[in-house]
Amino acid sequence: MGKVLYSVSSTLDGYNSDAQGDFSWAFPAEAVTAALAEDIADVTTYLYGRRMYETMAVWETDPSAAEESPESADFGEVWKRARKVVFSRTLDDVWTDRTRLEREFTAEAVERAKAETPGDLTIEGPTLAGTALVMGLVDVVELMIWPVTVGGGTRVFPDGLRAGFRLARERRFDEQGMVQVRYERR
């Protein structure tokens, strides 16, 4: 069975978005997009909450997203090939291929998703991932740390989380001053 990865953009002060929900500071250059597409090549399932699903569905519903560059096109193709499981009590339906809706986020639902796929899974969005971290379901945390502070907003990690990790990889993207670090749970 694959690993569950939490991959997230973070400010230096530990936020994924500011108090108004803005994360425009995390728009990646082409080198970063290419690296992320390479990183997710082994990902066969995405676990999303409603807001993250609505944000990422653009890779299938808006062709202009993939037309921005060859790197964006590659990322879009990798994204479309993967399965998606959306955890939401408020969505009536999902609108992308290879996607199913689950009403409750449980350890059993994550284990079911893991059993259905040969590769890795990502859990995206700090709210859903925070719950998974507290439940001990996340195997890998990958932070993309951007050289900006926002002073408040949505935290990358939930309050009260205590967990041990070991550094598995670090990578610099000098063009934007971004650093990517990958930690595996002990």
N, C-alpha and C. Protein backbone atom coordinates (compact mmCIF):
# COMPACT_ATOMS: atom_id res chain seq x y z
N MET A 1 0.83 -1.19 0.00
CA MET A 1 0.00 0.00 0.00
C MET A 1 0.87 1.24 0.00
N GLY A 2 0.36 2.28 -0.64
CA GLY A 2 1.10 3.52 -0.74
C GLY A 2 1.08 4.33 0.55
N LYS A 3 1.83 5.40 0.51
CA LYS A 3 1.91 6.31 1.64
C LYS A 3 0.90 7.44 1.46
N VAL A 4 0.51 8.04 2.59
CA VAL A 4 -0.34 9.22 2.58
C VAL A 4 0.57 10.43 2.80
N LEU A 5 0.56 11.34 1.80
CA LEU A 5 1.42 12.52 1.84
C LEU A 5 0.58 13.78 2.02
N TYR A 6 1.05 14.66 2.88
CA TYR A 6 0.45 15.98 3.03
C TYR A 6 1.44 16.95 2.41
N SER A 7 1.08 17.48 1.25
CA SER A 7 1.92 18.43 0.54
C SER A 7 1.24 19.78 0.60
N VAL A 8 1.97 20.80 1.08
CA VAL A 8 1.32 22.07 1.35
C VAL A 8 2.30 23.24 1.19
N SER A 9 1.80 24.33 0.64
CA SER A 9 2.56 25.58 0.61
C SER A 9 2.43 26.25 1.96
N SER A 10 3.54 26.84 2.41
CA SER A 10 3.56 27.47 3.72
C SER A 10 4.33 28.78 3.67
N THR A 11 3.85 29.75 4.41
CA THR A 11 4.62 30.97 4.62
C THR A 11 5.70 30.68 5.66
N LEU A 12 6.63 31.60 5.81
CA LEU A 12 7.65 31.45 6.85
C LEU A 12 7.04 31.39 8.24
N ASP A 13 5.88 32.06 8.42
CA ASP A 13 5.24 32.05 9.73
C ASP A 13 4.18 30.95 9.87
N GLY A 14 4.18 29.97 8.96
CA GLY A 14 3.39 28.76 9.14
C GLY A 14 1.94 28.78 8.69
N TYR A 15 1.62 29.64 7.71
CA TYR A 15 0.25 29.72 7.21
C TYR A 15 0.17 29.26 5.76
N ASN A 16 -0.97 28.66 5.42
CA ASN A 16 -1.23 28.25 4.04
C ASN A 16 -1.95 29.34 3.27
N SER A 17 -2.68 30.18 3.96
CA SER A 17 -3.35 31.33 3.35
C SER A 17 -3.47 32.41 4.42
N ASP A 18 -3.71 33.62 3.97
CA ASP A 18 -3.83 34.72 4.93
C ASP A 18 -5.25 34.77 5.52
N ALA A 19 -5.51 35.76 6.34
CA ALA A 19 -6.79 35.86 7.04
C ALA A 19 -7.99 36.01 6.09
N GLN A 20 -7.75 36.47 4.86
CA GLN A 20 -8.82 36.60 3.88
C GLN A 20 -8.89 35.38 2.95
N GLY A 21 -8.06 34.37 3.20
CA GLY A 21 -8.06 33.17 2.36
C GLY A 21 -7.17 33.27 1.14
N ASP A 22 -6.40 34.34 1.01
CA ASP A 22 -5.55 34.54 -0.17
C ASP A 22 -4.26 33.72 -0.06
N PHE A 23 -3.92 33.04 -1.13
CA PHE A 23 -2.66 32.31 -1.20
C PHE A 23 -1.94 32.61 -2.51
N SER A 24 -2.18 33.79 -3.07
CA SER A 24 -1.58 34.16 -4.35
C SER A 24 -0.06 34.25 -4.27
N TRP A 25 0.50 34.41 -3.10
CA TRP A 25 1.95 34.42 -2.92
C TRP A 25 2.58 33.07 -3.27
N ALA A 26 1.78 32.02 -3.37
CA ALA A 26 2.29 30.67 -3.62
C ALA A 26 2.15 30.24 -5.08
N PHE A 27 2.07 31.19 -6.00
CA PHE A 27 1.95 30.84 -7.41
C PHE A 27 3.32 30.42 -7.91
N PRO A 28 3.49 29.14 -8.31
CA PRO A 28 4.83 28.64 -8.63
C PRO A 28 5.33 29.03 -10.02
N ALA A 29 6.64 29.23 -10.11
CA ALA A 29 7.31 29.40 -11.40
C ALA A 29 7.31 28.04 -12.11
N GLU A 30 7.67 28.05 -13.38
CA GLU A 30 7.64 26.82 -14.17
C GLU A 30 8.54 25.72 -13.61
N ALA A 31 9.70 26.09 -13.08
CA ALA A 31 10.60 25.08 -12.51
C ALA A 31 9.95 24.38 -11.32
N VAL A 32 9.21 25.12 -10.53
CA VAL A 32 8.51 24.54 -9.38
C VAL A 32 7.36 23.65 -9.87
N THR A 33 6.60 24.13 -10.85
CA THR A 33 5.51 23.33 -11.40
C THR A 33 6.03 22.01 -11.96
N ALA A 34 7.16 22.06 -12.67
CA ALA A 34 7.76 20.84 -13.23
C ALA A 34 8.18 19.89 -12.12
N ALA A 35 8.79 20.43 -11.07
CA ALA A 35 9.22 19.59 -9.95
C ALA A 35 8.03 18.96 -9.24
N LEU A 36 6.95 19.72 -9.08
CA LEU A 36 5.76 19.19 -8.42
C LEU A 36 5.11 18.10 -9.27
N ALA A 37 5.09 18.28 -10.58
CA ALA A 37 4.54 17.24 -11.46
C ALA A 37 5.36 15.96 -11.35
N GLU A 38 6.67 16.12 -11.24
CA GLU A 38 7.54 14.95 -11.05
C GLU A 38 7.28 14.28 -9.70
N ASP A 39 7.10 15.11 -8.68
CA ASP A 39 6.85 14.58 -7.33
C ASP A 39 5.56 13.77 -7.27
N ILE A 40 4.54 14.20 -7.99
CA ILE A 40 3.25 13.53 -7.89
C ILE A 40 3.07 12.40 -8.91
N ALA A 41 4.12 12.08 -9.63
CA ALA A 41 4.02 11.03 -10.65
C ALA A 41 3.55 9.70 -10.06
N ASP A 42 3.92 9.42 -8.81
CA ASP A 42 3.52 8.16 -8.16
C ASP A 42 2.21 8.28 -7.38
N VAL A 43 1.63 9.46 -7.37
CA VAL A 43 0.37 9.65 -6.66
C VAL A 43 -0.77 9.15 -7.55
N THR A 44 -1.57 8.27 -7.00
CA THR A 44 -2.69 7.73 -7.77
C THR A 44 -4.04 8.17 -7.22
N THR A 45 -4.05 8.79 -6.03
CA THR A 45 -5.31 9.26 -5.44
C THR A 45 -5.07 10.54 -4.67
N TYR A 46 -5.99 11.50 -4.86
CA TYR A 46 -5.99 12.74 -4.10
C TYR A 46 -7.15 12.71 -3.13
N LEU A 47 -6.90 13.06 -1.89
CA LEU A 47 -7.94 13.17 -0.87
C LEU A 47 -8.15 14.66 -0.62
N TYR A 48 -9.37 15.12 -0.88
CA TYR A 48 -9.68 16.55 -0.81
C TYR A 48 -10.87 16.83 0.08
N GLY A 49 -10.85 18.01 0.66
CA GLY A 49 -12.06 18.60 1.21
C GLY A 49 -12.73 19.40 0.11
N ARG A 50 -13.88 19.96 0.38
CA ARG A 50 -14.64 20.68 -0.64
C ARG A 50 -13.87 21.83 -1.26
N ARG A 51 -13.30 22.71 -0.43
CA ARG A 51 -12.62 23.90 -0.97
C ARG A 51 -11.43 23.54 -1.83
N MET A 52 -10.62 22.57 -1.41
CA MET A 52 -9.46 22.20 -2.21
C MET A 52 -9.90 21.54 -3.52
N TYR A 53 -10.94 20.72 -3.46
CA TYR A 53 -11.46 20.11 -4.69
C TYR A 53 -11.93 21.19 -5.67
N GLU A 54 -12.67 22.16 -5.17
CA GLU A 54 -13.16 23.22 -6.04
C GLU A 54 -11.99 24.00 -6.66
N THR A 55 -10.92 24.18 -5.93
CA THR A 55 -9.73 24.87 -6.44
C THR A 55 -9.01 24.03 -7.49
N MET A 56 -8.83 22.75 -7.21
CA MET A 56 -8.03 21.90 -8.11
C MET A 56 -8.80 21.38 -9.32
N ALA A 57 -10.11 21.36 -9.28
CA ALA A 57 -10.91 20.85 -10.41
C ALA A 57 -10.63 21.60 -11.69
N VAL A 58 -10.07 22.79 -11.59
CA VAL A 58 -9.74 23.59 -12.77
C VAL A 58 -8.85 22.82 -13.74
N TRP A 59 -8.03 21.91 -13.24
CA TRP A 59 -7.14 21.15 -14.12
C TRP A 59 -7.91 20.29 -15.11
N GLU A 60 -9.17 20.01 -14.80
CA GLU A 60 -10.00 19.25 -15.73
C GLU A 60 -11.07 20.11 -16.38
N THR A 61 -11.54 21.12 -15.70
CA THR A 61 -12.70 21.87 -16.20
C THR A 61 -12.33 23.13 -16.98
N ASP A 62 -11.10 23.61 -16.85
CA ASP A 62 -10.69 24.83 -17.54
C ASP A 62 -9.41 24.56 -18.34
N PRO A 63 -9.53 24.32 -19.63
CA PRO A 63 -8.35 24.00 -20.45
C PRO A 63 -7.28 25.09 -20.43
N SER A 64 -7.63 26.32 -20.15
CA SER A 64 -6.63 27.38 -20.14
C SER A 64 -5.59 27.19 -19.04
N ALA A 65 -5.92 26.46 -17.97
CA ALA A 65 -4.95 26.21 -16.89
C ALA A 65 -3.75 25.43 -17.42
N ALA A 66 -4.01 24.41 -18.22
CA ALA A 66 -2.94 23.58 -18.77
C ALA A 66 -2.23 24.26 -19.93
N GLU A 67 -2.85 25.26 -20.53
CA GLU A 67 -2.26 25.94 -21.68
C GLU A 67 -1.22 27.00 -21.30
N GLU A 68 -1.05 27.24 -20.00
CA GLU A 68 -0.11 28.26 -19.57
C GLU A 68 1.33 27.93 -19.92
N SER A 69 1.67 26.64 -19.90
CA SER A 69 3.04 26.22 -20.20
C SER A 69 3.09 24.71 -20.38
N PRO A 70 4.17 24.19 -20.95
CA PRO A 70 4.31 22.73 -21.03
C PRO A 70 4.32 22.08 -19.64
N GLU A 71 4.90 22.76 -18.66
CA GLU A 71 4.94 22.23 -17.30
C GLU A 71 3.54 22.14 -16.71
N SER A 72 2.73 23.16 -16.97
CA SER A 72 1.34 23.14 -16.51
C SER A 72 0.56 22.03 -17.19
N ALA A 73 0.80 21.83 -18.48
CA ALA A 73 0.12 20.75 -19.21
C ALA A 73 0.48 19.40 -18.61
N ASP A 74 1.76 19.19 -18.29
CA ASP A 74 2.19 17.93 -17.68
C ASP A 74 1.51 17.72 -16.33
N PHE A 75 1.49 18.77 -15.50
CA PHE A 75 0.85 18.68 -14.20
C PHE A 75 -0.63 18.33 -14.36
N GLY A 76 -1.30 19.00 -15.29
CA GLY A 76 -2.71 18.74 -15.52
C GLY A 76 -2.99 17.31 -15.93
N GLU A 77 -2.15 16.74 -16.77
CA GLU A 77 -2.33 15.35 -17.20
C GLU A 77 -2.15 14.38 -16.04
N VAL A 78 -1.13 14.62 -15.22
CA VAL A 78 -0.91 13.77 -14.04
C VAL A 78 -2.12 13.86 -13.11
N TRP A 79 -2.63 15.07 -12.91
CA TRP A 79 -3.77 15.27 -12.02
C TRP A 79 -5.00 14.54 -12.54
N LYS A 80 -5.27 14.65 -13.84
CA LYS A 80 -6.47 14.04 -14.41
C LYS A 80 -6.43 12.51 -14.34
N ARG A 81 -5.24 11.92 -14.43
CA ARG A 81 -5.12 10.45 -14.39
C ARG A 81 -5.44 9.87 -13.01
N ALA A 82 -5.23 10.66 -11.98
CA ALA A 82 -5.39 10.17 -10.61
C ALA A 82 -6.87 10.09 -10.20
N ARG A 83 -7.13 9.26 -9.21
CA ARG A 83 -8.45 9.21 -8.59
C ARG A 83 -8.54 10.36 -7.59
N LYS A 84 -9.77 10.78 -7.33
CA LYS A 84 -10.00 11.81 -6.32
C LYS A 84 -11.12 11.34 -5.41
N VAL A 85 -10.92 11.53 -4.11
CA VAL A 85 -11.96 11.28 -3.12
C VAL A 85 -12.20 12.61 -2.43
N VAL A 86 -13.43 13.10 -2.52
CA VAL A 86 -13.79 14.39 -1.94
C VAL A 86 -14.63 14.14 -0.70
N PHE A 87 -14.19 14.67 0.42
CA PHE A 87 -14.91 14.54 1.69
C PHE A 87 -15.67 15.84 1.92
N SER A 88 -17.00 15.76 1.85
CA SER A 88 -17.81 16.95 2.02
C SER A 88 -19.23 16.58 2.43
N ARG A 89 -19.75 17.33 3.37
CA ARG A 89 -21.15 17.19 3.76
C ARG A 89 -22.03 18.17 2.98
N THR A 90 -21.41 19.14 2.30
CA THR A 90 -22.19 20.20 1.66
C THR A 90 -22.28 20.09 0.14
N LEU A 91 -21.35 19.39 -0.50
CA LEU A 91 -21.44 19.23 -1.95
C LEU A 91 -22.57 18.28 -2.31
N ASP A 92 -23.31 18.61 -3.35
CA ASP A 92 -24.35 17.72 -3.84
C ASP A 92 -23.78 16.66 -4.76
N ASP A 93 -22.72 17.03 -5.48
CA ASP A 93 -22.15 16.12 -6.48
C ASP A 93 -20.73 16.56 -6.79
N VAL A 94 -19.97 15.71 -7.46
CA VAL A 94 -18.64 16.04 -7.97
C VAL A 94 -18.72 16.11 -9.48
N TRP A 95 -17.84 16.87 -10.12
CA TRP A 95 -17.96 17.14 -11.55
C TRP A 95 -16.70 16.81 -12.34
N THR A 96 -15.77 16.07 -11.77
CA THR A 96 -14.61 15.64 -12.52
C THR A 96 -14.60 14.12 -12.62
N ASP A 97 -13.92 13.62 -13.65
CA ASP A 97 -13.81 12.18 -13.85
C ASP A 97 -13.01 11.54 -12.73
N ARG A 98 -13.21 10.26 -12.54
CA ARG A 98 -12.44 9.46 -11.58
C ARG A 98 -12.54 10.03 -10.15
N THR A 99 -13.70 10.59 -9.83
CA THR A 99 -13.90 11.26 -8.55
C THR A 99 -15.13 10.70 -7.86
N ARG A 100 -15.01 10.49 -6.55
CA ARG A 100 -16.18 10.07 -5.78
C ARG A 100 -16.31 10.96 -4.54
N LEU A 101 -17.53 11.04 -4.07
CA LEU A 101 -17.86 11.88 -2.92
C LEU A 101 -18.09 11.00 -1.71
N GLU A 102 -17.45 11.37 -0.60
CA GLU A 102 -17.65 10.70 0.70
C GLU A 102 -18.17 11.76 1.66
N ARG A 103 -19.17 11.42 2.44
CA ARG A 103 -19.76 12.40 3.37
C ARG A 103 -18.95 12.58 4.65
N GLU A 104 -18.25 11.55 5.09
CA GLU A 104 -17.51 11.61 6.36
C GLU A 104 -16.04 11.26 6.15
N PHE A 105 -15.16 12.02 6.80
CA PHE A 105 -13.74 11.69 6.78
C PHE A 105 -13.45 10.78 7.97
N THR A 106 -13.09 9.54 7.68
CA THR A 106 -12.78 8.57 8.73
C THR A 106 -11.51 7.82 8.36
N ALA A 107 -10.92 7.20 9.36
CA ALA A 107 -9.74 6.35 9.10
C ALA A 107 -10.10 5.22 8.15
N GLU A 108 -11.29 4.71 8.28
CA GLU A 108 -11.73 3.62 7.41
C GLU A 108 -11.83 4.07 5.95
N ALA A 109 -12.30 5.29 5.73
CA ALA A 109 -12.40 5.81 4.36
C ALA A 109 -11.01 5.97 3.74
N VAL A 110 -10.04 6.41 4.54
CA VAL A 110 -8.67 6.55 4.05
C VAL A 110 -8.09 5.16 3.75
N GLU A 111 -8.30 4.21 4.64
CA GLU A 111 -7.81 2.84 4.41
C GLU A 111 -8.45 2.23 3.17
N ARG A 112 -9.71 2.51 2.94
CA ARG A 112 -10.40 2.02 1.74
C ARG A 112 -9.76 2.62 0.49
N ALA A 113 -9.47 3.91 0.52
CA ALA A 113 -8.83 4.57 -0.62
C ALA A 113 -7.43 4.00 -0.86
N LYS A 114 -6.71 3.71 0.23
CA LYS A 114 -5.38 3.13 0.08
C LYS A 114 -5.46 1.74 -0.55
N ALA A 115 -6.45 0.97 -0.16
CA ALA A 115 -6.59 -0.40 -0.68
C ALA A 115 -6.98 -0.41 -2.15
N GLU A 116 -7.61 0.65 -2.62
CA GLU A 116 -8.09 0.72 -4.00
C GLU A 116 -7.01 1.14 -4.99
N THR A 117 -5.86 1.55 -4.51
CA THR A 117 -4.85 2.13 -5.39
C THR A 117 -3.46 1.57 -5.10
N PRO A 118 -2.66 1.37 -6.14
CA PRO A 118 -1.33 0.82 -5.93
C PRO A 118 -0.30 1.88 -5.51
N GLY A 119 -0.58 3.14 -5.73
CA GLY A 119 0.41 4.18 -5.48
C GLY A 119 0.16 4.97 -4.22
N ASP A 120 0.81 6.12 -4.16
CA ASP A 120 0.68 7.02 -3.02
C ASP A 120 -0.61 7.83 -3.12
N LEU A 121 -1.00 8.38 -1.98
CA LEU A 121 -2.16 9.26 -1.89
C LEU A 121 -1.69 10.59 -1.32
N THR A 122 -2.27 11.67 -1.79
CA THR A 122 -2.01 12.95 -1.13
C THR A 122 -3.29 13.40 -0.45
N ILE A 123 -3.10 14.06 0.66
CA ILE A 123 -4.21 14.69 1.35
C ILE A 123 -3.89 16.18 1.34
N GLU A 124 -4.77 16.95 0.75
CA GLU A 124 -4.44 18.34 0.52
C GLU A 124 -5.45 19.26 1.19
N GLY A 125 -4.93 20.38 1.63
CA GLY A 125 -5.72 21.35 2.36
C GLY A 125 -5.49 21.17 3.85
N PRO A 126 -5.13 22.24 4.53
CA PRO A 126 -4.76 22.14 5.93
C PRO A 126 -5.86 21.67 6.87
N THR A 127 -7.11 21.91 6.55
CA THR A 127 -8.18 21.48 7.44
C THR A 127 -8.32 19.97 7.43
N LEU A 128 -8.48 19.39 6.25
CA LEU A 128 -8.59 17.94 6.14
C LEU A 128 -7.30 17.26 6.57
N ALA A 129 -6.16 17.78 6.12
CA ALA A 129 -4.87 17.18 6.49
C ALA A 129 -4.63 17.28 8.00
N GLY A 130 -5.07 18.37 8.61
CA GLY A 130 -4.91 18.51 10.06
C GLY A 130 -5.63 17.41 10.80
N THR A 131 -6.83 17.10 10.36
CA THR A 131 -7.58 15.99 10.97
C THR A 131 -6.84 14.69 10.77
N ALA A 132 -6.33 14.46 9.56
CA ALA A 132 -5.59 13.22 9.27
C ALA A 132 -4.30 13.13 10.09
N LEU A 133 -3.63 14.26 10.29
CA LEU A 133 -2.41 14.27 11.11
C LEU A 133 -2.72 13.88 12.55
N VAL A 134 -3.77 14.47 13.10
CA VAL A 134 -4.17 14.15 14.47
C VAL A 134 -4.54 12.68 14.60
N MET A 135 -5.16 12.11 13.56
CA MET A 135 -5.56 10.70 13.57
C MET A 135 -4.39 9.76 13.30
N GLY A 136 -3.21 10.32 12.99
CA GLY A 136 -2.03 9.49 12.72
C GLY A 136 -2.04 8.83 11.35
N LEU A 137 -2.75 9.40 10.38
CA LEU A 137 -2.90 8.80 9.06
C LEU A 137 -1.88 9.28 8.04
N VAL A 138 -1.13 10.33 8.35
CA VAL A 138 -0.20 10.93 7.40
C VAL A 138 1.19 10.33 7.60
N ASP A 139 1.78 9.83 6.50
CA ASP A 139 3.11 9.23 6.54
C ASP A 139 4.21 10.23 6.20
N VAL A 140 3.91 11.19 5.34
CA VAL A 140 4.91 12.14 4.84
C VAL A 140 4.32 13.54 4.84
N VAL A 141 5.12 14.51 5.29
CA VAL A 141 4.74 15.91 5.20
C VAL A 141 5.75 16.59 4.29
N GLU A 142 5.23 17.25 3.26
CA GLU A 142 6.09 17.97 2.34
C GLU A 142 5.68 19.44 2.36
N LEU A 143 6.58 20.27 2.85
CA LEU A 143 6.33 21.71 2.95
C LEU A 143 7.04 22.44 1.83
N MET A 144 6.33 23.31 1.16
CA MET A 144 6.92 24.23 0.20
C MET A 144 6.90 25.59 0.89
N ILE A 145 8.04 25.99 1.40
CA ILE A 145 8.13 27.19 2.24
C ILE A 145 8.50 28.39 1.37
N TRP A 146 7.59 29.37 1.35
CA TRP A 146 7.76 30.56 0.53
C TRP A 146 8.28 31.71 1.38
N PRO A 147 9.12 32.57 0.82
CA PRO A 147 9.74 33.66 1.58
C PRO A 147 8.80 34.85 1.78
N VAL A 148 7.75 34.59 2.56
CA VAL A 148 6.76 35.62 2.84
C VAL A 148 6.13 35.31 4.20
N THR A 149 5.70 36.34 4.88
CA THR A 149 4.90 36.16 6.09
C THR A 149 3.57 36.87 5.87
N VAL A 150 2.51 36.34 6.50
CA VAL A 150 1.19 36.94 6.33
C VAL A 150 0.54 37.31 7.66
N GLY A 151 1.14 36.90 8.77
CA GLY A 151 0.68 37.34 10.07
C GLY A 151 -0.58 36.70 10.62
N GLY A 152 -1.18 35.81 9.89
CA GLY A 152 -2.39 35.13 10.36
C GLY A 152 -3.13 34.52 9.19
N GLY A 153 -4.06 33.63 9.52
CA GLY A 153 -4.83 32.97 8.47
C GLY A 153 -5.03 31.50 8.79
N THR A 154 -4.96 30.67 7.77
CA THR A 154 -5.11 29.22 7.95
C THR A 154 -3.75 28.59 8.20
N ARG A 155 -3.62 28.01 9.38
CA ARG A 155 -2.33 27.41 9.78
C ARG A 155 -2.09 26.11 9.02
N VAL A 156 -0.82 25.85 8.74
CA VAL A 156 -0.42 24.62 8.04
C VAL A 156 -0.65 23.40 8.92
N PHE A 157 -0.41 23.53 10.22
CA PHE A 157 -0.61 22.44 11.17
C PHE A 157 -1.65 22.82 12.21
N PRO A 158 -2.43 21.85 12.66
CA PRO A 158 -3.44 22.17 13.67
C PRO A 158 -2.80 22.44 15.03
N ASP A 159 -3.44 23.28 15.81
CA ASP A 159 -2.98 23.52 17.18
C ASP A 159 -3.01 22.21 17.95
N GLY A 160 -2.02 22.02 18.80
CA GLY A 160 -1.98 20.86 19.67
C GLY A 160 -1.38 19.61 19.06
N LEU A 161 -1.03 19.63 17.78
CA LEU A 161 -0.44 18.45 17.14
C LEU A 161 0.94 18.18 17.69
N ARG A 162 1.16 16.96 18.12
CA ARG A 162 2.49 16.52 18.56
C ARG A 162 2.82 15.26 17.76
N ALA A 163 3.89 15.33 16.97
CA ALA A 163 4.30 14.21 16.14
C ALA A 163 5.78 14.35 15.83
N GLY A 164 6.44 13.23 15.63
CA GLY A 164 7.86 13.24 15.28
C GLY A 164 8.06 12.91 13.82
N PHE A 165 9.00 13.62 13.18
CA PHE A 165 9.32 13.40 11.78
C PHE A 165 10.83 13.39 11.61
N ARG A 166 11.29 12.80 10.51
CA ARG A 166 12.72 12.87 10.16
C ARG A 166 12.83 13.46 8.77
N LEU A 167 13.85 14.29 8.56
CA LEU A 167 14.07 14.93 7.28
C LEU A 167 14.46 13.88 6.24
N ALA A 168 13.74 13.84 5.13
CA ALA A 168 14.02 12.88 4.06
C ALA A 168 14.60 13.56 2.82
N ARG A 169 14.26 14.86 2.60
CA ARG A 169 14.77 15.55 1.42
C ARG A 169 14.59 17.05 1.60
N GLU A 170 15.49 17.79 0.99
CA GLU A 170 15.32 19.23 0.91
C GLU A 170 15.77 19.68 -0.48
N ARG A 171 15.07 20.69 -0.99
CA ARG A 171 15.34 21.17 -2.34
C ARG A 171 15.08 22.67 -2.39
N ARG A 172 15.97 23.39 -3.06
CA ARG A 172 15.84 24.85 -3.19
C ARG A 172 15.39 25.22 -4.59
N PHE A 173 14.58 26.25 -4.67
CA PHE A 173 14.18 26.85 -5.93
C PHE A 173 14.58 28.32 -5.85
N ASP A 174 15.79 28.60 -6.30
CA ASP A 174 16.36 29.93 -6.13
C ASP A 174 15.59 31.03 -6.85
N GLU A 175 14.95 30.69 -7.98
CA GLU A 175 14.24 31.70 -8.75
C GLU A 175 13.19 32.43 -7.90
N GLN A 176 12.50 31.68 -7.04
CA GLN A 176 11.48 32.29 -6.20
C GLN A 176 11.86 32.31 -4.72
N GLY A 177 13.02 31.77 -4.40
CA GLY A 177 13.44 31.73 -3.01
C GLY A 177 12.68 30.72 -2.18
N MET A 178 12.04 29.77 -2.84
CA MET A 178 11.23 28.75 -2.15
C MET A 178 12.09 27.54 -1.82
N VAL A 179 11.80 26.94 -0.68
CA VAL A 179 12.48 25.72 -0.24
C VAL A 179 11.42 24.64 -0.04
N GLN A 180 11.70 23.46 -0.53
CA GLN A 180 10.80 22.32 -0.35
C GLN A 180 11.49 21.33 0.58
N VAL A 181 10.81 20.97 1.65
CA VAL A 181 11.35 19.98 2.59
C VAL A 181 10.35 18.85 2.74
N ARG A 182 10.88 17.63 2.79
CA ARG A 182 10.05 16.44 2.91
C ARG A 182 10.44 15.73 4.21
N TYR A 183 9.44 15.47 5.04
CA TYR A 183 9.65 14.79 6.30
C TYR A 183 8.83 13.51 6.34
N GLU A 184 9.41 12.44 6.84
CA GLU A 184 8.69 11.17 7.02
C GLU A 184 8.41 10.99 8.50
N ARG A 185 7.23 10.51 8.79
CA ARG A 185 6.81 10.30 10.18
C ARG A 185 7.64 9.18 10.80
N ARG A 186 8.02 9.40 12.03
CA ARG A 186 8.78 8.37 12.77
C ARG A 186 7.84 7.36 13.35
